[in-house]
Protein backbone atom coordinates (compact mmCIF):
# COMPACT_ATOMS: atom_id res chain seq x y z
CA UNK A 1 71.82 136.46 97.74
CA UNK A 2 72.67 133.09 99.17
CA UNK A 3 73.07 130.08 96.99
CA UNK A 4 70.85 127.66 99.60
CA UNK A 5 67.50 129.02 101.46
CA UNK A 6 65.70 127.23 103.85
CA UNK A 7 62.13 127.19 104.36
CA UNK A 8 60.15 126.87 107.36
CA UNK A 9 56.61 126.84 107.45
CA UNK A 10 54.78 127.86 110.87
CA UNK A 11 51.88 127.80 112.22
CA UNK A 12 51.35 128.48 116.17
CA UNK A 13 55.63 128.91 116.40
CA UNK A 14 56.15 131.71 118.56
CA UNK A 15 57.92 130.17 120.81
CA UNK A 16 60.45 128.79 118.89
CA UNK A 17 60.46 130.78 115.78
CA UNK A 18 62.94 133.51 116.90
CA UNK A 19 65.62 131.24 118.32
CA UNK A 20 65.51 128.78 115.33
CA UNK A 21 66.14 131.55 112.75
CA UNK A 22 69.37 132.89 114.88
CA UNK A 23 70.85 129.38 114.87
CA UNK A 24 70.57 129.23 110.73
CA UNK A 25 72.17 132.79 110.56
CA UNK A 26 74.86 131.61 112.97
CA UNK A 27 76.02 128.74 111.21
CA UNK A 28 79.40 129.18 109.12
CA UNK A 29 77.84 128.80 105.80
CA UNK A 30 75.49 131.17 104.67
CA UNK A 31 71.80 130.26 104.40
CA UNK A 32 68.73 132.46 103.22
CA UNK A 33 65.17 131.57 105.31
CA UNK A 34 62.04 132.23 104.08
CA UNK A 35 58.81 131.48 106.35
CA UNK A 36 55.99 129.95 105.48
CA UNK A 37 53.52 131.15 108.30
CA UNK A 38 49.51 130.20 108.10
CA UNK A 39 48.14 132.97 109.96
CA UNK A 40 49.34 132.05 113.62
CA UNK A 41 47.04 133.94 116.15
CA UNK A 42 49.99 133.29 118.46
CA UNK A 43 51.78 136.58 116.06
CA UNK A 44 54.69 134.09 114.47
CA UNK A 45 54.55 136.39 111.58
CA UNK A 46 54.62 139.67 113.84
CA UNK A 47 58.08 138.55 115.24
CA UNK A 48 59.65 137.28 112.21
CA UNK A 49 58.77 140.83 111.01
CA UNK A 50 60.56 142.31 113.62
CA UNK A 51 63.39 140.28 112.81
CA UNK A 52 63.77 141.23 109.76
CA UNK A 53 65.17 144.86 110.34
CA UNK A 54 68.16 142.78 111.72
CA UNK A 55 69.05 140.45 109.21
CA UNK A 56 68.26 141.79 106.07
CA UNK A 57 67.95 140.34 102.62
CA UNK A 58 68.24 137.58 104.79
CA UNK A 59 64.74 136.13 106.29
CA UNK A 60 61.91 136.62 104.47
CA UNK A 61 58.27 135.84 105.26
CA UNK A 62 55.03 135.06 103.32
CA UNK A 63 52.09 134.91 105.46
CA UNK A 64 49.01 133.10 103.87
CA UNK A 65 45.39 133.41 104.96
CA UNK A 66 44.78 130.51 107.07
CA UNK A 67 45.86 127.01 107.28
CA UNK A 68 46.25 124.80 104.91
CA UNK A 69 48.85 121.83 105.13
CA UNK A 70 52.37 121.41 105.14
CA UNK A 71 52.36 120.87 101.89
CA UNK A 72 50.83 123.97 100.49
CA UNK A 73 53.48 125.30 102.63
CA UNK A 74 56.25 123.89 101.07
CA UNK A 75 54.74 124.20 97.40
CA UNK A 76 54.12 128.07 98.32
CA UNK A 77 57.84 127.86 99.25
CA UNK A 78 59.23 125.97 96.09
CA UNK A 79 58.07 128.32 93.60
CA UNK A 80 58.60 131.65 95.94
CA UNK A 81 62.44 130.26 95.58
CA UNK A 82 63.25 128.99 92.34
CA UNK A 83 61.07 132.78 91.01
CA UNK A 84 64.69 133.71 92.89
CA UNK A 85 67.18 131.34 91.38
CA UNK A 86 68.15 129.47 94.30
CA UNK A 87 70.25 126.62 93.46
CA UNK A 88 69.64 124.63 96.55
CA UNK A 89 66.15 124.82 98.83
CA UNK A 90 65.72 123.03 101.75
CA UNK A 91 62.76 121.98 103.89
CA UNK A 92 63.23 121.69 107.82
CA UNK A 93 60.72 122.39 110.88
CA UNK A 94 60.98 125.55 113.39
CA UNK A 95 61.10 123.06 116.42
CA UNK A 96 64.13 122.15 116.43
CA UNK A 97 64.01 118.39 115.69
CA UNK A 98 66.24 119.52 112.64
CA UNK A 99 69.31 120.00 114.16
CA UNK A 100 70.35 123.60 111.97
CA UNK A 101 73.88 122.65 112.46
CA UNK A 102 73.30 119.43 109.76
CA UNK A 103 71.46 121.45 107.06
CA UNK A 104 75.81 122.08 106.33
CA UNK A 105 75.87 118.59 106.15
CA UNK A 106 72.51 118.42 103.51
CA UNK A 107 74.28 121.40 101.71
CA UNK A 108 77.77 119.17 101.45
CA UNK A 109 75.90 115.99 99.90
CA UNK A 110 74.33 118.16 97.35
CA UNK A 111 76.94 120.86 96.52
CA UNK A 112 79.91 118.43 97.09
CA UNK A 113 78.55 115.08 96.43
CA UNK A 114 76.44 113.44 93.71
CA UNK A 115 72.75 113.80 95.54
CA UNK A 116 70.14 115.75 94.08
CA UNK A 117 68.02 115.22 96.73
CA UNK A 118 69.92 114.69 100.00
CA UNK A 119 67.88 113.50 102.80
CA UNK A 120 68.12 113.98 107.16
CA UNK A 121 67.62 110.27 107.91
CA UNK A 122 66.54 109.26 111.03
CA UNK A 123 67.23 105.28 110.30
CA UNK A 124 69.63 104.89 107.32
CA UNK A 125 72.50 103.93 110.73
CA UNK A 126 70.20 102.63 113.40
CA UNK A 127 67.30 104.79 114.91
CA UNK A 128 68.46 107.93 115.34
CA UNK A 129 65.28 109.70 117.59
CA UNK A 130 65.34 111.51 120.99
CA UNK A 131 62.24 111.81 123.00
CA UNK A 132 59.85 110.23 121.18
CA UNK A 133 57.64 107.12 122.59
CA UNK A 134 58.16 103.91 121.81
CA UNK A 135 54.85 104.18 119.65
CA UNK A 136 55.52 106.58 117.90
CA UNK A 137 59.24 105.47 116.97
CA UNK A 138 57.81 102.11 115.55
CA UNK A 139 55.13 103.65 113.97
CA UNK A 140 57.43 106.16 111.94
CA UNK A 141 60.33 103.42 111.20
CA UNK A 142 57.78 100.65 110.02
CA UNK A 143 56.15 103.35 107.80
CA UNK A 144 58.90 103.54 106.20
CA UNK A 145 59.94 100.08 105.47
CA UNK A 146 55.87 99.55 104.71
CA UNK A 147 56.88 102.73 101.80
CA UNK A 148 59.95 100.96 100.04
CA UNK A 149 57.57 97.42 100.00
CA UNK A 150 54.88 99.40 98.16
CA UNK A 151 56.85 101.69 95.76
CA UNK A 152 60.11 100.22 95.34
CA UNK A 153 62.36 102.97 96.68
CA UNK A 154 65.53 101.57 98.71
CA UNK A 155 64.95 104.45 101.43
CA UNK A 156 65.07 103.98 104.62
CA UNK A 157 63.69 107.09 106.17
CA UNK A 158 60.61 107.99 103.33
CA UNK A 159 58.72 110.76 105.84
CA UNK A 160 61.88 112.86 106.70
CA UNK A 161 61.47 116.47 106.37
CA UNK A 162 64.66 117.65 106.62
CA UNK A 163 65.66 117.62 102.86
CA UNK A 164 67.74 119.58 100.50
CA UNK A 165 66.74 119.58 97.29
CA UNK A 166 68.90 120.72 93.73
CA UNK A 167 66.55 123.37 92.23
CA UNK A 168 66.53 121.09 89.09
CA UNK A 169 64.91 118.50 91.11
CA UNK A 170 62.08 120.83 91.69
CA UNK A 171 61.94 122.43 88.25
CA UNK A 172 61.54 118.72 87.03
CA UNK A 173 59.09 117.10 89.19
CA UNK A 174 56.02 118.80 88.36
CA UNK A 175 55.51 120.64 92.03
CA UNK A 176 51.96 121.78 91.18
CA UNK A 177 50.70 118.26 90.61
CA UNK A 178 51.56 117.24 94.20
CA UNK A 179 48.50 115.70 95.51
CA UNK A 180 49.01 115.66 99.76
CA UNK A 181 49.10 118.11 102.06
CA UNK A 182 50.50 116.41 105.59
CA UNK A 183 53.36 113.98 106.01
CA UNK A 184 52.15 112.08 102.58
CA UNK A 185 53.50 114.93 100.92
CA UNK A 186 57.12 114.29 102.01
CA UNK A 187 56.38 110.49 100.90
CA UNK A 188 55.26 112.12 97.28
CA UNK A 189 58.43 114.48 96.82
CA UNK A 190 60.77 111.67 97.49
CA UNK A 191 58.62 109.32 94.76
CA UNK A 192 58.61 112.16 92.52
CA UNK A 193 62.43 112.85 92.42
CA UNK A 194 62.91 108.60 92.41
CA UNK A 195 60.34 108.86 89.01
CA UNK A 196 62.18 111.26 87.62
CA UNK A 197 65.68 109.37 88.07
CA UNK A 198 67.44 111.75 90.42
CA UNK A 199 69.61 110.59 92.93
CA UNK A 200 68.60 110.60 96.17
CA UNK A 201 71.05 110.55 99.35
CA UNK A 202 70.61 109.75 103.15
CA UNK A 203 72.82 111.93 105.31
CA UNK A 204 72.25 110.82 108.96
CA UNK A 205 71.34 113.46 111.65
CA UNK A 206 69.95 112.68 115.17
CA UNK A 207 66.20 113.51 115.63
CA UNK A 208 64.88 115.37 118.63
CA UNK A 209 60.87 115.56 119.56
CA UNK A 210 60.16 119.31 119.65
CA UNK A 211 60.32 120.66 123.23
CA UNK A 212 58.32 123.43 122.72
CA UNK A 213 54.67 124.04 121.27
CA UNK A 214 52.44 121.49 119.78
CA UNK A 215 52.95 118.31 117.28
CA UNK A 216 51.03 119.02 114.41
CA UNK A 217 50.11 114.85 113.94
CA UNK A 218 46.58 114.13 113.46
CA UNK A 219 45.06 111.05 112.34
CA UNK A 220 43.89 112.42 109.57
CA UNK A 221 47.94 113.27 108.07
CA UNK A 222 48.43 109.27 109.11
CA UNK A 223 45.27 108.30 107.15
CA UNK A 224 46.51 109.96 103.98
CA UNK A 225 49.86 109.05 104.58
CA UNK A 226 49.02 105.32 104.47
CA UNK A 227 46.42 105.14 101.30
CA UNK A 228 48.49 107.78 99.66
CA UNK A 229 51.49 105.61 98.79
CA UNK A 230 49.04 102.73 97.35
CA UNK A 231 47.99 105.99 95.24
CA UNK A 232 51.66 106.64 94.19
CA UNK A 233 52.57 103.63 93.28
CA UNK A 234 49.29 103.67 90.93
CA UNK A 235 49.89 106.73 89.40
CA UNK A 236 53.61 105.66 88.37
CA UNK A 237 52.18 102.62 86.77
CA UNK A 238 49.88 105.19 84.73
CA UNK A 239 52.31 107.23 84.02
CA UNK A 240 50.46 109.55 85.79
CA UNK A 241 53.62 111.24 88.40
């Protein structure tokens, strides 16, 4: 067993899944991979099963009954990883918006550096986003500014989804009480780590929008994030995190 596992939630990622799995396994640093699939109609899970014989004891699959949101998929994966004693647990998208080569940077920040949480940050050294329309860039950037203002976290990319957590973080922030399931989930995870005084570091990456498959962004997800931040601040004030 490797000391790090990369959790990749999937829903209709048949065009990306084999390539992303092979990219992770081609890295110099060895990671295991857990796919959490929400019963994709396009047979993403079947492709993972076919690959498991080639990557025995490195590629794992948890197939859920239905699509239930990004946050619940990650929490499911976190519990799976914690039960198996991994020391470094990663979040990463399946669509190559996160470059697998950057996994080693995040790992090094936690393993060799002082970070308890290492964030692959689009905005810590400017705006490092490729192929997004300006409206999407502005929405994402100012969402992080908004989160900073409300929460007090000094994080440039609060909605980032490319992250390494040390095991101790997931053990102590009470992941069973996570409220949000969309991109607000990413903010809540960071805020819980911040509230527990873990050291959060941002590692600069270049984010490239997907070229295959469809985005899962929706108006409901955006609304959850906007109002969820205020909810988080109130809950922290009443010591409910």
